[in-house]
Amino acid sequence: MKLTILIAVAATLAAVNLASAQESKLPPASTKENITYATDIKPLFDANCVKCHSGDKPKAHLKLDTLEGVLKGNKWGPVVKAGAAADSIVVKAIAHQTKDHDGWMPPMPNRAGAKTLTPEQIGLVIGWINQGAK
């Protein structure tokens, strides 16, 4: 019985440490206040994402050209978890934190000319989501 409890506690601690290690790989959230999609995030997405994630047939069924599209997510569900950037798929994708490298955004190389986001740009997206994704 004691061994079972000890194993369960060790497994829980290992999972917490793994999650913390993955989060620590993310750039820090921007310290800018009142980050909005329209002012701060849309220009970033327009430059690097919407060539593929807009229109009638967006890649992965995800439209990033409007706030409504971002918040809706894709056919598999939301990609933004307002208030929790580290749990948001879009952050994991742009920060190259997904296990599957095919999920890294933007993919490299790409025909759209999109560039990998800088740590500062990723931090801005993280700050926006942590502030409620408005």
Protein backbone atom coordinates (compact mmCIF):
# COMPACT_ATOMS: atom_id res chain seq x y z
CA MET A 1 0.00 0.00 0.00
CA LYS A 2 2.76 2.47 0.95
CA LEU A 3 4.69 1.59 -2.20
CA THR A 4 1.59 2.24 -4.35
CA ILE A 5 1.12 5.67 -2.76
CA LEU A 6 4.80 6.48 -3.19
CA ILE A 7 4.67 5.51 -6.88
CA ALA A 8 1.54 7.62 -7.42
CA VAL A 9 3.16 10.64 -5.74
CA ALA A 10 6.35 10.21 -7.80
CA ALA A 11 4.35 9.96 -11.04
CA THR A 12 2.40 13.10 -10.18
CA LEU A 13 5.58 15.04 -9.42
CA ALA A 14 7.16 13.87 -12.66
CA ALA A 15 4.13 15.05 -14.65
CA VAL A 16 4.18 18.45 -12.92
CA ASN A 17 7.91 18.83 -13.57
CA LEU A 18 7.46 17.92 -17.24
CA ALA A 19 4.66 20.47 -17.67
CA SER A 20 6.76 23.14 -15.94
CA ALA A 21 9.75 22.36 -18.14
CA GLN A 22 7.63 22.69 -21.29
CA GLU A 23 6.14 25.99 -20.12
CA SER A 24 9.59 27.34 -19.28
CA LYS A 25 10.56 26.91 -22.94
CA LEU A 26 7.99 29.54 -23.90
CA PRO A 27 9.17 33.12 -24.21
CA PRO A 28 7.94 35.39 -21.45
CA ALA A 29 4.60 37.09 -21.94
CA SER A 30 4.75 40.65 -23.19
CA THR A 31 4.46 43.24 -20.45
CA LYS A 32 2.40 45.47 -22.74
CA GLU A 33 -1.01 46.24 -21.30
CA ASN A 34 -4.34 46.10 -23.12
CA ILE A 35 -3.17 43.91 -25.99
CA THR A 36 -5.93 43.48 -28.56
CA TYR A 37 -6.37 41.34 -31.62
CA ALA A 38 -7.21 44.33 -33.85
CA THR A 39 -4.25 46.48 -32.83
CA ASP A 40 -1.50 44.04 -31.94
CA ILE A 41 -2.20 40.48 -33.09
CA LYS A 42 -3.94 40.89 -36.45
CA PRO A 43 -0.93 42.66 -38.05
CA LEU A 44 1.32 39.83 -36.85
CA PHE A 45 -1.08 37.16 -38.15
CA ASP A 46 -1.57 39.08 -41.41
CA ALA A 47 2.18 39.01 -42.03
CA ASN A 48 2.75 35.37 -41.12
CA CYS A 49 -0.45 33.34 -40.96
CA VAL A 50 -3.42 34.50 -43.02
CA LYS A 51 -1.98 33.58 -46.43
CA CYS A 52 -2.75 30.00 -45.43
CA HIS A 53 -5.33 30.47 -42.66
CA SER A 54 -8.06 32.48 -44.38
CA GLY A 55 -10.48 32.28 -47.28
CA ASP A 56 -12.86 29.52 -48.26
CA LYS A 57 -10.43 26.64 -47.64
CA PRO A 58 -8.10 27.62 -44.80
CA LYS A 59 -5.37 25.18 -43.79
CA ALA A 60 -6.42 22.97 -40.88
CA HIS A 61 -9.89 24.57 -41.16
CA LEU A 62 -8.52 27.47 -39.07
CA LYS A 63 -9.18 31.11 -39.96
CA LEU A 64 -6.85 33.60 -38.32
CA ASP A 65 -7.90 36.69 -40.27
CA THR A 66 -10.63 37.67 -37.79
CA LEU A 67 -10.93 37.56 -34.02
CA GLU A 68 -14.06 35.44 -34.42
CA GLY A 69 -12.17 32.93 -36.54
CA VAL A 70 -9.31 32.69 -34.06
CA LEU A 71 -11.65 32.18 -31.11
CA LYS A 72 -13.80 29.65 -33.01
CA GLY A 73 -10.77 27.50 -33.72
CA ASN A 74 -11.02 24.65 -36.19
CA LYS A 75 -13.14 21.55 -36.61
CA TRP A 76 -11.22 19.90 -33.76
CA GLY A 77 -11.98 22.72 -31.33
CA PRO A 78 -10.58 25.97 -29.96
CA VAL A 79 -6.91 26.84 -30.51
CA VAL A 80 -6.95 29.67 -27.96
CA LYS A 81 -7.77 29.19 -24.30
CA ALA A 82 -8.41 32.75 -23.09
CA GLY A 83 -6.47 33.41 -19.91
CA ALA A 84 -4.23 30.36 -20.37
CA ALA A 85 -1.69 30.86 -23.15
CA ALA A 86 0.45 27.90 -22.13
CA ASP A 87 -2.58 25.65 -22.73
CA SER A 88 -3.42 27.20 -26.11
CA ILE A 89 -2.65 25.17 -29.21
CA VAL A 90 -1.79 28.28 -31.22
CA VAL A 91 0.97 29.18 -28.73
CA LYS A 92 2.38 25.67 -28.81
CA ALA A 93 2.38 25.79 -32.61
CA ILE A 94 4.08 29.18 -33.00
CA ALA A 95 6.58 28.43 -30.22
CA HIS A 96 7.40 25.04 -31.78
CA GLN A 97 6.31 23.18 -28.66
CA THR A 98 4.23 20.48 -30.35
CA LYS A 99 5.53 16.92 -30.47
CA ASP A 100 4.68 16.69 -34.15
CA HIS A 101 6.91 19.06 -36.11
CA ASP A 102 4.20 19.22 -38.78
CA GLY A 103 2.25 21.27 -36.25
CA TRP A 104 4.92 23.96 -36.04
CA MET A 105 3.69 27.24 -37.47
CA PRO A 106 4.51 28.61 -39.81
CA PRO A 107 5.99 25.51 -41.40
CA MET A 108 9.48 25.90 -42.79
CA PRO A 109 10.05 26.18 -45.62
CA ASN A 110 6.77 27.53 -46.96
CA ARG A 111 5.61 29.04 -50.23
CA ALA A 112 3.78 31.89 -48.49
CA GLY A 113 7.01 33.56 -47.38
CA ALA A 114 5.94 33.42 -43.73
CA LYS A 115 8.70 33.67 -41.17
CA THR A 116 9.10 32.02 -37.80
CA LEU A 117 7.83 34.38 -35.13
CA THR A 118 10.41 36.00 -32.88
CA PRO A 119 10.36 35.40 -29.12
CA GLU A 120 9.00 38.95 -28.72
CA GLN A 121 6.15 38.27 -31.16
CA ILE A 122 5.33 34.98 -29.42
CA GLY A 123 5.42 36.85 -26.11
CA LEU A 124 2.91 39.32 -27.51
CA VAL A 125 0.54 36.49 -28.47
CA ILE A 126 1.04 34.94 -25.02
CA GLY A 127 0.29 38.27 -23.35
CA TRP A 128 -2.82 38.75 -25.50
CA ILE A 129 -4.20 35.34 -24.62
CA ASN A 130 -3.34 35.69 -20.93
CA GLN A 131 -5.15 39.05 -20.93
CA GLY A 132 -8.32 37.38 -22.19
CA ALA A 133 -7.80 37.23 -25.99
CA LYS A 134 -9.88 40.30 -26.85
